[in-house]
Structures are given as structure tokens and as C-alpha cells.
mmCIF file of all heavy atoms, coordinates in Angstrom:
data_MODEL
# 
_entry.id   MODEL 
# 
loop_
_atom_site.group_PDB 
_atom_site.id 
_atom_site.type_symbol 
_atom_site.label_atom_id 
_atom_site.label_alt_id 
_atom_site.label_comp_id 
_atom_site.label_asym_id 
_atom_site.label_entity_id 
_atom_site.label_seq_id 
_atom_site.pdbx_PDB_ins_code 
_atom_site.Cartn_x 
_atom_site.Cartn_y 
_atom_site.Cartn_z 
_atom_site.occupancy 
_atom_site.B_iso_or_equiv 
_atom_site.pdbx_formal_charge 
_atom_site.auth_seq_id 
_atom_site.auth_comp_id 
_atom_site.auth_asym_id 
_atom_site.auth_atom_id 
_atom_site.pdbx_PDB_model_num 
ATOM 1   N N   . VAL A 1 1  ? -14.456 204.608 -8.912  1.00 0.00 ? 1  VAL A N   1 
ATOM 2   C CA  . VAL A 1 1  ? -14.475 206.067 -9.067  1.00 0.00 ? 1  VAL A CA  1 
ATOM 3   C C   . VAL A 1 1  ? -14.865 206.677 -7.719  1.00 0.00 ? 1  VAL A C   1 
ATOM 4   O O   . VAL A 1 1  ? -16.004 206.533 -7.276  1.00 0.00 ? 1  VAL A O   1 
ATOM 5   C CB  . VAL A 1 1  ? -15.457 206.502 -10.175 1.00 0.00 ? 1  VAL A CB  1 
ATOM 6   C CG1 . VAL A 1 1  ? -15.433 208.014 -10.345 1.00 0.00 ? 1  VAL A CG1 1 
ATOM 7   C CG2 . VAL A 1 1  ? -15.113 205.815 -11.492 1.00 0.00 ? 1  VAL A CG2 1 
ATOM 8   N N   . PRO A 1 2  ? -13.908 207.339 -7.053  1.00 0.00 ? 2  PRO A N   1 
ATOM 9   C CA  . PRO A 1 2  ? -14.178 207.827 -5.698  1.00 0.00 ? 2  PRO A CA  1 
ATOM 10  C C   . PRO A 1 2  ? -15.043 209.082 -5.686  1.00 0.00 ? 2  PRO A C   1 
ATOM 11  O O   . PRO A 1 2  ? -15.080 209.846 -6.645  1.00 0.00 ? 2  PRO A O   1 
ATOM 12  C CB  . PRO A 1 2  ? -12.776 208.148 -5.161  1.00 0.00 ? 2  PRO A CB  1 
ATOM 13  C CG  . PRO A 1 2  ? -12.011 208.544 -6.372  1.00 0.00 ? 2  PRO A CG  1 
ATOM 14  C CD  . PRO A 1 2  ? -12.547 207.655 -7.480  1.00 0.00 ? 2  PRO A CD  1 
ATOM 15  N N   . SER A 1 3  ? -15.710 209.265 -4.574  1.00 0.00 ? 3  SER A N   1 
ATOM 16  C CA  . SER A 1 3  ? -16.439 210.515 -4.343  1.00 0.00 ? 3  SER A CA  1 
ATOM 17  C C   . SER A 1 3  ? -15.457 211.545 -3.801  1.00 0.00 ? 3  SER A C   1 
ATOM 18  O O   . SER A 1 3  ? -14.332 211.213 -3.398  1.00 0.00 ? 3  SER A O   1 
ATOM 19  C CB  . SER A 1 3  ? -17.560 210.286 -3.331  1.00 0.00 ? 3  SER A CB  1 
ATOM 20  O OG  . SER A 1 3  ? -17.011 210.001 -2.054  1.00 0.00 ? 3  SER A OG  1 
ATOM 21  N N   . VAL A 1 4  ? -15.890 212.783 -3.749  1.00 0.00 ? 4  VAL A N   1 
ATOM 22  C CA  . VAL A 1 4  ? -15.065 213.830 -3.148  1.00 0.00 ? 4  VAL A CA  1 
ATOM 23  C C   . VAL A 1 4  ? -14.774 213.478 -1.696  1.00 0.00 ? 4  VAL A C   1 
ATOM 24  O O   . VAL A 1 4  ? -13.654 213.656 -1.213  1.00 0.00 ? 4  VAL A O   1 
ATOM 25  C CB  . VAL A 1 4  ? -15.753 215.209 -3.267  1.00 0.00 ? 4  VAL A CB  1 
ATOM 26  C CG1 . VAL A 1 4  ? -14.973 216.272 -2.508  1.00 0.00 ? 4  VAL A CG1 1 
ATOM 27  C CG2 . VAL A 1 4  ? -15.910 215.606 -4.734  1.00 0.00 ? 4  VAL A CG2 1 
ATOM 28  N N   . SER A 1 5  ? -15.745 212.923 -1.003  1.00 0.00 ? 5  SER A N   1 
ATOM 29  C CA  . SER A 1 5  ? -15.530 212.508 0.394   1.00 0.00 ? 5  SER A CA  1 
ATOM 30  C C   . SER A 1 5  ? -14.487 211.400 0.501   1.00 0.00 ? 5  SER A C   1 
ATOM 31  O O   . SER A 1 5  ? -13.677 211.409 1.426   1.00 0.00 ? 5  SER A O   1 
ATOM 32  C CB  . SER A 1 5  ? -16.849 212.040 1.015   1.00 0.00 ? 5  SER A CB  1 
ATOM 33  O OG  . SER A 1 5  ? -17.748 213.119 1.098   1.00 0.00 ? 5  SER A OG  1 
ATOM 34  N N   . ASP A 1 6  ? -14.509 210.460 -0.429  1.00 0.00 ? 6  ASP A N   1 
ATOM 35  C CA  . ASP A 1 6  ? -13.490 209.409 -0.444  1.00 0.00 ? 6  ASP A CA  1 
ATOM 36  C C   . ASP A 1 6  ? -12.097 210.019 -0.610  1.00 0.00 ? 6  ASP A C   1 
ATOM 37  O O   . ASP A 1 6  ? -11.151 209.643 0.095   1.00 0.00 ? 6  ASP A O   1 
ATOM 38  C CB  . ASP A 1 6  ? -13.727 208.422 -1.597  1.00 0.00 ? 6  ASP A CB  1 
ATOM 39  C CG  . ASP A 1 6  ? -14.991 207.601 -1.461  1.00 0.00 ? 6  ASP A CG  1 
ATOM 40  O OD1 . ASP A 1 6  ? -15.421 207.319 -0.318  1.00 0.00 ? 6  ASP A OD1 1 
ATOM 41  O OD2 . ASP A 1 6  ? -15.554 207.230 -2.516  1.00 0.00 ? 6  ASP A OD2 1 
ATOM 42  N N   . VAL A 1 7  ? -11.983 210.947 -1.542  1.00 0.00 ? 7  VAL A N   1 
ATOM 43  C CA  . VAL A 1 7  ? -10.700 211.604 -1.798  1.00 0.00 ? 7  VAL A CA  1 
ATOM 44  C C   . VAL A 1 7  ? -10.235 212.347 -0.549  1.00 0.00 ? 7  VAL A C   1 
ATOM 45  O O   . VAL A 1 7  ? -9.074  212.245 -0.142  1.00 0.00 ? 7  VAL A O   1 
ATOM 46  C CB  . VAL A 1 7  ? -10.809 212.563 -3.006  1.00 0.00 ? 7  VAL A CB  1 
ATOM 47  C CG1 . VAL A 1 7  ? -9.586  213.461 -3.111  1.00 0.00 ? 7  VAL A CG1 1 
ATOM 48  C CG2 . VAL A 1 7  ? -11.020 211.773 -4.291  1.00 0.00 ? 7  VAL A CG2 1 
ATOM 49  N N   . ALA A 1 8  ? -11.139 213.068 0.076   1.00 0.00 ? 8  ALA A N   1 
ATOM 50  C CA  . ALA A 1 8  ? -10.799 213.810 1.295   1.00 0.00 ? 8  ALA A CA  1 
ATOM 51  C C   . ALA A 1 8  ? -10.280 212.861 2.372   1.00 0.00 ? 8  ALA A C   1 
ATOM 52  O O   . ALA A 1 8  ? -9.298  213.161 3.054   1.00 0.00 ? 8  ALA A O   1 
ATOM 53  C CB  . ALA A 1 8  ? -12.008 214.594 1.794   1.00 0.00 ? 8  ALA A CB  1 
ATOM 54  N N   . ALA A 1 9  ? -10.909 211.713 2.502   1.00 0.00 ? 9  ALA A N   1 
ATOM 55  C CA  . ALA A 1 9  ? -10.477 210.733 3.508   1.00 0.00 ? 9  ALA A CA  1 
ATOM 56  C C   . ALA A 1 9  ? -9.080  210.197 3.194   1.00 0.00 ? 9  ALA A C   1 
ATOM 57  O O   . ALA A 1 9  ? -8.243  210.082 4.094   1.00 0.00 ? 9  ALA A O   1 
ATOM 58  C CB  . ALA A 1 9  ? -11.488 209.585 3.592   1.00 0.00 ? 9  ALA A CB  1 
ATOM 59  N N   . HIS A 1 10 ? -8.820  209.873 1.943   1.00 0.00 ? 10 HIS A N   1 
ATOM 60  C CA  . HIS A 1 10 ? -7.493  209.377 1.559   1.00 0.00 ? 10 HIS A CA  1 
ATOM 61  C C   . HIS A 1 10 ? -6.408  210.411 1.840   1.00 0.00 ? 10 HIS A C   1 
ATOM 62  O O   . HIS A 1 10 ? -5.300  210.058 2.247   1.00 0.00 ? 10 HIS A O   1 
ATOM 63  C CB  . HIS A 1 10 ? -7.452  209.020 0.076   1.00 0.00 ? 10 HIS A CB  1 
ATOM 64  C CG  . HIS A 1 10 ? -8.127  207.735 -0.267  1.00 0.00 ? 10 HIS A CG  1 
ATOM 65  N ND1 . HIS A 1 10 ? -7.743  206.524 0.243   1.00 0.00 ? 10 HIS A ND1 1 
ATOM 66  C CD2 . HIS A 1 10 ? -9.169  207.482 -1.101  1.00 0.00 ? 10 HIS A CD2 1 
ATOM 67  C CE1 . HIS A 1 10 ? -8.516  205.571 -0.255  1.00 0.00 ? 10 HIS A CE1 1 
ATOM 68  N NE2 . HIS A 1 10 ? -9.394  206.131 -1.069  1.00 0.00 ? 10 HIS A NE2 1 
ATOM 69  N N   . LEU A 1 11 ? -6.723  211.672 1.590   1.00 0.00 ? 11 LEU A N   1 
ATOM 70  C CA  . LEU A 1 11 ? -5.719  212.732 1.712   1.00 0.00 ? 11 LEU A CA  1 
ATOM 71  C C   . LEU A 1 11 ? -5.703  213.389 3.089   1.00 0.00 ? 11 LEU A C   1 
ATOM 72  O O   . LEU A 1 11 ? -4.923  214.319 3.315   1.00 0.00 ? 11 LEU A O   1 
ATOM 73  C CB  . LEU A 1 11 ? -5.952  213.785 0.628   1.00 0.00 ? 11 LEU A CB  1 
ATOM 74  C CG  . LEU A 1 11 ? -5.861  213.266 -0.811  1.00 0.00 ? 11 LEU A CG  1 
ATOM 75  C CD1 . LEU A 1 11 ? -6.162  214.385 -1.796  1.00 0.00 ? 11 LEU A CD1 1 
ATOM 76  C CD2 . LEU A 1 11 ? -4.520  212.632 -1.090  1.00 0.00 ? 11 LEU A CD2 1 
ATOM 77  N N   . LEU A 1 12 ? -6.570  212.912 3.986   1.00 0.00 ? 12 LEU A N   1 
ATOM 78  C CA  . LEU A 1 12 ? -6.680  213.478 5.337   1.00 0.00 ? 12 LEU A CA  1 
ATOM 79  C C   . LEU A 1 12 ? -6.970  214.973 5.281   1.00 0.00 ? 12 LEU A C   1 
ATOM 80  O O   . LEU A 1 12 ? -6.368  215.781 5.997   1.00 0.00 ? 12 LEU A O   1 
ATOM 81  C CB  . LEU A 1 12 ? -5.404  213.207 6.151   1.00 0.00 ? 12 LEU A CB  1 
ATOM 82  C CG  . LEU A 1 12 ? -5.004  211.740 6.297   1.00 0.00 ? 12 LEU A CG  1 
ATOM 83  C CD1 . LEU A 1 12 ? -3.686  211.625 7.038   1.00 0.00 ? 12 LEU A CD1 1 
ATOM 84  C CD2 . LEU A 1 12 ? -6.091  210.939 6.984   1.00 0.00 ? 12 LEU A CD2 1 
ATOM 85  N N   . LEU A 1 13 ? -7.923  215.328 4.412   1.00 0.00 ? 13 LEU A N   1 
ATOM 86  C CA  . LEU A 1 13 ? -8.334  216.718 4.240   1.00 0.00 ? 13 LEU A CA  1 
ATOM 87  C C   . LEU A 1 13 ? -9.793  216.887 4.630   1.00 0.00 ? 13 LEU A C   1 
ATOM 88  O O   . LEU A 1 13 ? -10.573 215.935 4.582   1.00 0.00 ? 13 LEU A O   1 
ATOM 89  C CB  . LEU A 1 13 ? -8.202  217.137 2.763   1.00 0.00 ? 13 LEU A CB  1 
ATOM 90  C CG  . LEU A 1 13 ? -6.811  217.189 2.161   1.00 0.00 ? 13 LEU A CG  1 
ATOM 91  C CD1 . LEU A 1 13 ? -6.912  217.464 0.661   1.00 0.00 ? 13 LEU A CD1 1 
ATOM 92  C CD2 . LEU A 1 13 ? -5.968  218.244 2.848   1.00 0.00 ? 13 LEU A CD2 1 
ATOM 93  N N   . ARG A 1 14 ? -10.138 218.094 4.974   1.00 0.00 ? 14 ARG A N   1 
ATOM 94  C CA  . ARG A 1 14 ? -11.556 218.418 5.138   1.00 0.00 ? 14 ARG A CA  1 
ATOM 95  C C   . ARG A 1 14 ? -12.193 218.488 3.753   1.00 0.00 ? 14 ARG A C   1 
ATOM 96  O O   . ARG A 1 14 ? -11.517 218.747 2.753   1.00 0.00 ? 14 ARG A O   1 
ATOM 97  C CB  . ARG A 1 14 ? -11.708 219.748 5.859   1.00 0.00 ? 14 ARG A CB  1 
ATOM 98  C CG  . ARG A 1 14 ? -11.240 219.659 7.285   1.00 0.00 ? 14 ARG A CG  1 
ATOM 99  C CD  . ARG A 1 14 ? -11.505 220.935 8.007   1.00 0.00 ? 14 ARG A CD  1 
ATOM 100 N NE  . ARG A 1 14 ? -10.983 220.799 9.361   1.00 0.00 ? 14 ARG A NE  1 
ATOM 101 C CZ  . ARG A 1 14 ? -11.203 221.668 10.305  1.00 0.00 ? 14 ARG A CZ  1 
ATOM 102 N NH1 . ARG A 1 14 ? -11.897 222.749 10.058  1.00 0.00 ? 14 ARG A NH1 1 
ATOM 103 N NH2 . ARG A 1 14 ? -10.703 221.458 11.504  1.00 0.00 ? 14 ARG A NH2 1 
ATOM 104 N N   . HIS A 1 15 ? -13.489 218.269 3.714   1.00 0.00 ? 15 HIS A N   1 
ATOM 105 C CA  . HIS A 1 15 ? -14.206 218.208 2.443   1.00 0.00 ? 15 HIS A CA  1 
ATOM 106 C C   . HIS A 1 15 ? -13.946 219.445 1.593   1.00 0.00 ? 15 HIS A C   1 
ATOM 107 O O   . HIS A 1 15 ? -13.628 219.339 0.400   1.00 0.00 ? 15 HIS A O   1 
ATOM 108 C CB  . HIS A 1 15 ? -15.708 218.021 2.704   1.00 0.00 ? 15 HIS A CB  1 
ATOM 109 C CG  . HIS A 1 15 ? -16.490 217.745 1.469   1.00 0.00 ? 15 HIS A CG  1 
ATOM 110 N ND1 . HIS A 1 15 ? -17.004 218.734 0.672   1.00 0.00 ? 15 HIS A ND1 1 
ATOM 111 C CD2 . HIS A 1 15 ? -16.835 216.569 0.868   1.00 0.00 ? 15 HIS A CD2 1 
ATOM 112 C CE1 . HIS A 1 15 ? -17.636 218.203 -0.343  1.00 0.00 ? 15 HIS A CE1 1 
ATOM 113 N NE2 . HIS A 1 15 ? -17.547 216.890 -0.252  1.00 0.00 ? 15 HIS A NE2 1 
ATOM 114 N N   . HIS A 1 16 ? -14.054 220.621 2.184   1.00 0.00 ? 16 HIS A N   1 
ATOM 115 C CA  . HIS A 1 16 ? -13.886 221.845 1.393   1.00 0.00 ? 16 HIS A CA  1 
ATOM 116 C C   . HIS A 1 16 ? -12.461 221.999 0.869   1.00 0.00 ? 16 HIS A C   1 
ATOM 117 O O   . HIS A 1 16 ? -12.247 222.533 -0.223  1.00 0.00 ? 16 HIS A O   1 
ATOM 118 C CB  . HIS A 1 16 ? -14.334 223.090 2.174   1.00 0.00 ? 16 HIS A CB  1 
ATOM 119 C CG  . HIS A 1 16 ? -13.432 223.468 3.298   1.00 0.00 ? 16 HIS A CG  1 
ATOM 120 N ND1 . HIS A 1 16 ? -13.513 222.901 4.552   1.00 0.00 ? 16 HIS A ND1 1 
ATOM 121 C CD2 . HIS A 1 16 ? -12.403 224.350 3.344   1.00 0.00 ? 16 HIS A CD2 1 
ATOM 122 C CE1 . HIS A 1 16 ? -12.581 223.430 5.327   1.00 0.00 ? 16 HIS A CE1 1 
ATOM 123 N NE2 . HIS A 1 16 ? -11.896 224.301 4.622   1.00 0.00 ? 16 HIS A NE2 1 
ATOM 124 N N   . SER A 1 17 ? -11.474 221.495 1.595   1.00 0.00 ? 17 SER A N   1 
ATOM 125 C CA  . SER A 1 17 ? -10.093 221.549 1.110   1.00 0.00 ? 17 SER A CA  1 
ATOM 126 C C   . SER A 1 17 ? -9.904  220.600 -0.066  1.00 0.00 ? 17 SER A C   1 
ATOM 127 O O   . SER A 1 17 ? -9.194  220.927 -1.032  1.00 0.00 ? 17 SER A O   1 
ATOM 128 C CB  . SER A 1 17 ? -9.119  221.198 2.228   1.00 0.00 ? 17 SER A CB  1 
ATOM 129 O OG  . SER A 1 17 ? -9.189  222.162 3.260   1.00 0.00 ? 17 SER A OG  1 
ATOM 130 N N   . ALA A 1 18 ? -10.540 219.437 -0.002  1.00 0.00 ? 18 ALA A N   1 
ATOM 131 C CA  . ALA A 1 18 ? -10.483 218.502 -1.126  1.00 0.00 ? 18 ALA A CA  1 
ATOM 132 C C   . ALA A 1 18 ? -11.151 219.107 -2.358  1.00 0.00 ? 18 ALA A C   1 
ATOM 133 O O   . ALA A 1 18 ? -10.650 218.969 -3.476  1.00 0.00 ? 18 ALA A O   1 
ATOM 134 C CB  . ALA A 1 18 ? -11.141 217.181 -0.747  1.00 0.00 ? 18 ALA A CB  1 
ATOM 135 N N   . VAL A 1 19 ? -12.265 219.797 -2.159  1.00 0.00 ? 19 VAL A N   1 
ATOM 136 C CA  . VAL A 1 19 ? -12.963 220.451 -3.274  1.00 0.00 ? 19 VAL A CA  1 
ATOM 137 C C   . VAL A 1 19 ? -12.046 221.479 -3.928  1.00 0.00 ? 19 VAL A C   1 
ATOM 138 O O   . VAL A 1 19 ? -11.959 221.553 -5.167  1.00 0.00 ? 19 VAL A O   1 
ATOM 139 C CB  . VAL A 1 19 ? -14.283 221.105 -2.800  1.00 0.00 ? 19 VAL A CB  1 
ATOM 140 C CG1 . VAL A 1 19 ? -14.854 222.027 -3.862  1.00 0.00 ? 19 VAL A CG1 1 
ATOM 141 C CG2 . VAL A 1 19 ? -15.290 220.026 -2.408  1.00 0.00 ? 19 VAL A CG2 1 
ATOM 142 N N   . GLU A 1 20 ? -11.338 222.270 -3.135  1.00 0.00 ? 20 GLU A N   1 
ATOM 143 C CA  . GLU A 1 20 ? -10.424 223.273 -3.693  1.00 0.00 ? 20 GLU A CA  1 
ATOM 144 C C   . GLU A 1 20 ? -9.298  222.618 -4.484  1.00 0.00 ? 20 GLU A C   1 
ATOM 145 O O   . GLU A 1 20 ? -8.923  223.090 -5.561  1.00 0.00 ? 20 GLU A O   1 
ATOM 146 C CB  . GLU A 1 20 ? -9.857  224.145 -2.571  1.00 0.00 ? 20 GLU A CB  1 
ATOM 147 C CG  . GLU A 1 20 ? -10.889 225.047 -1.932  1.00 0.00 ? 20 GLU A CG  1 
ATOM 148 C CD  . GLU A 1 20 ? -10.377 225.763 -0.686  1.00 0.00 ? 20 GLU A CD  1 
ATOM 149 O OE1 . GLU A 1 20 ? -9.179  225.624 -0.346  1.00 0.00 ? 20 GLU A OE1 1 
ATOM 150 O OE2 . GLU A 1 20 ? -11.186 226.461 -0.057  1.00 0.00 ? 20 GLU A OE2 1 
ATOM 151 N N   . LEU A 1 21 ? -8.750  221.527 -3.967  1.00 0.00 ? 21 LEU A N   1 
ATOM 152 C CA  . LEU A 1 21 ? -7.692  220.803 -4.666  1.00 0.00 ? 21 LEU A CA  1 
ATOM 153 C C   . LEU A 1 21 ? -8.224  220.229 -5.978  1.00 0.00 ? 21 LEU A C   1 
ATOM 154 O O   . LEU A 1 21 ? -7.571  220.320 -7.023  1.00 0.00 ? 21 LEU A O   1 
ATOM 155 C CB  . LEU A 1 21 ? -7.136  219.689 -3.771  1.00 0.00 ? 21 LEU A CB  1 
ATOM 156 C CG  . LEU A 1 21 ? -6.066  218.790 -4.377  1.00 0.00 ? 21 LEU A CG  1 
ATOM 157 C CD1 . LEU A 1 21 ? -4.859  219.591 -4.842  1.00 0.00 ? 21 LEU A CD1 1 
ATOM 158 C CD2 . LEU A 1 21 ? -5.659  217.727 -3.358  1.00 0.00 ? 21 LEU A CD2 1 
ATOM 159 N N   . ILE A 1 22 ? -9.413  219.669 -5.942  1.00 0.00 ? 22 ILE A N   1 
ATOM 160 C CA  . ILE A 1 22 ? -10.035 219.126 -7.153  1.00 0.00 ? 22 ILE A CA  1 
ATOM 161 C C   . ILE A 1 22 ? -10.302 220.235 -8.152  1.00 0.00 ? 22 ILE A C   1 
ATOM 162 O O   . ILE A 1 22 ? -10.087 220.062 -9.361  1.00 0.00 ? 22 ILE A O   1 
ATOM 163 C CB  . ILE A 1 22 ? -11.310 218.336 -6.797  1.00 0.00 ? 22 ILE A CB  1 
ATOM 164 C CG1 . ILE A 1 22 ? -10.930 217.061 -6.035  1.00 0.00 ? 22 ILE A CG1 1 
ATOM 165 C CG2 . ILE A 1 22 ? -12.125 218.004 -8.043  1.00 0.00 ? 22 ILE A CG2 1 
ATOM 166 C CD1 . ILE A 1 22 ? -12.089 216.379 -5.331  1.00 0.00 ? 22 ILE A CD1 1 
ATOM 167 N N   . ASP A 1 23 ? -10.749 221.395 -7.672  1.00 0.00 ? 23 ASP A N   1 
ATOM 168 C CA  . ASP A 1 23 ? -10.965 222.548 -8.566  1.00 0.00 ? 23 ASP A CA  1 
ATOM 169 C C   . ASP A 1 23 ? -9.688  222.887 -9.331  1.00 0.00 ? 23 ASP A C   1 
ATOM 170 O O   . ASP A 1 23 ? -9.709  223.085 -10.552 1.00 0.00 ? 23 ASP A O   1 
ATOM 171 C CB  . ASP A 1 23 ? -11.398 223.787 -7.773  1.00 0.00 ? 23 ASP A CB  1 
ATOM 172 C CG  . ASP A 1 23 ? -12.823 223.740 -7.274  1.00 0.00 ? 23 ASP A CG  1 
ATOM 173 O OD1 . ASP A 1 23 ? -13.614 222.893 -7.763  1.00 0.00 ? 23 ASP A OD1 1 
ATOM 174 O OD2 . ASP A 1 23 ? -13.150 224.559 -6.386  1.00 0.00 ? 23 ASP A OD2 1 
ATOM 175 N N   . ARG A 1 24 ? -8.566  222.971 -8.616  1.00 0.00 ? 24 ARG A N   1 
ATOM 176 C CA  . ARG A 1 24 ? -7.292  223.326 -9.260  1.00 0.00 ? 24 ARG A CA  1 
ATOM 177 C C   . ARG A 1 24 ? -6.849  222.234 -10.246 1.00 0.00 ? 24 ARG A C   1 
ATOM 178 O O   . ARG A 1 24 ? -6.376  222.531 -11.337 1.00 0.00 ? 24 ARG A O   1 
ATOM 179 C CB  . ARG A 1 24 ? -6.209  223.575 -8.212  1.00 0.00 ? 24 ARG A CB  1 
ATOM 180 C CG  . ARG A 1 24 ? -6.446  224.853 -7.404  1.00 0.00 ? 24 ARG A CG  1 
ATOM 181 C CD  . ARG A 1 24 ? -5.270  225.217 -6.519  1.00 0.00 ? 24 ARG A CD  1 
ATOM 182 N NE  . ARG A 1 24 ? -4.937  224.209 -5.531  1.00 0.00 ? 24 ARG A NE  1 
ATOM 183 C CZ  . ARG A 1 24 ? -5.502  224.097 -4.329  1.00 0.00 ? 24 ARG A CZ  1 
ATOM 184 N NH1 . ARG A 1 24 ? -6.452  224.949 -3.963  1.00 0.00 ? 24 ARG A NH1 1 
ATOM 185 N NH2 . ARG A 1 24 ? -5.130  223.146 -3.488  1.00 0.00 ? 24 ARG A NH2 1 
ATOM 186 N N   . ALA A 1 25 ? -7.040  220.984 -9.865  1.00 0.00 ? 25 ALA A N   1 
ATOM 187 C CA  . ALA A 1 25 ? -6.663  219.878 -10.758 1.00 0.00 ? 25 ALA A CA  1 
ATOM 188 C C   . ALA A 1 25 ? -7.581  219.827 -11.983 1.00 0.00 ? 25 ALA A C   1 
ATOM 189 O O   . ALA A 1 25 ? -7.131  219.484 -13.083 1.00 0.00 ? 25 ALA A O   1 
ATOM 190 C CB  . ALA A 1 25 ? -6.704  218.553 -10.001 1.00 0.00 ? 25 ALA A CB  1 
ATOM 191 N N   . GLU A 1 26 ? -8.821  220.194 -11.801 1.00 0.00 ? 26 GLU A N   1 
ATOM 192 C CA  . GLU A 1 26 ? -9.752  220.224 -12.927 1.00 0.00 ? 26 GLU A CA  1 
ATOM 193 C C   . GLU A 1 26 ? -9.360  221.336 -13.909 1.00 0.00 ? 26 GLU A C   1 
ATOM 194 O O   . GLU A 1 26 ? -9.376  221.128 -15.129 1.00 0.00 ? 26 GLU A O   1 
ATOM 195 C CB  . GLU A 1 26 ? -11.183 220.427 -12.421 1.00 0.00 ? 26 GLU A CB  1 
ATOM 196 C CG  . GLU A 1 26 ? -12.243 220.166 -13.456 1.00 0.00 ? 26 GLU A CG  1 
ATOM 197 C CD  . GLU A 1 26 ? -13.638 220.167 -12.869 1.00 0.00 ? 26 GLU A CD  1 
ATOM 198 O OE1 . GLU A 1 26 ? -13.924 220.977 -11.957 1.00 0.00 ? 26 GLU A OE1 1 
ATOM 199 O OE2 . GLU A 1 26 ? -14.442 219.344 -13.325 1.00 0.00 ? 26 GLU A OE2 1 
# 
């Protein structure tokens, strides 16, 4: 189960951009 930081690294995104993407997916 990845952290938000793990997800950001996989997607080559900044942390806050990953958070926004996760917000929309949630």
C-alpha cells in the first residue's frame, strides 16, 4: 500500500499534484 509520496514518485508529480489527483479519484 503506497504512500502519497510513493505515488508522486511513480507518476513524476510533485506531492501537492499527487494529492489533487488522489482527491479527484477519491
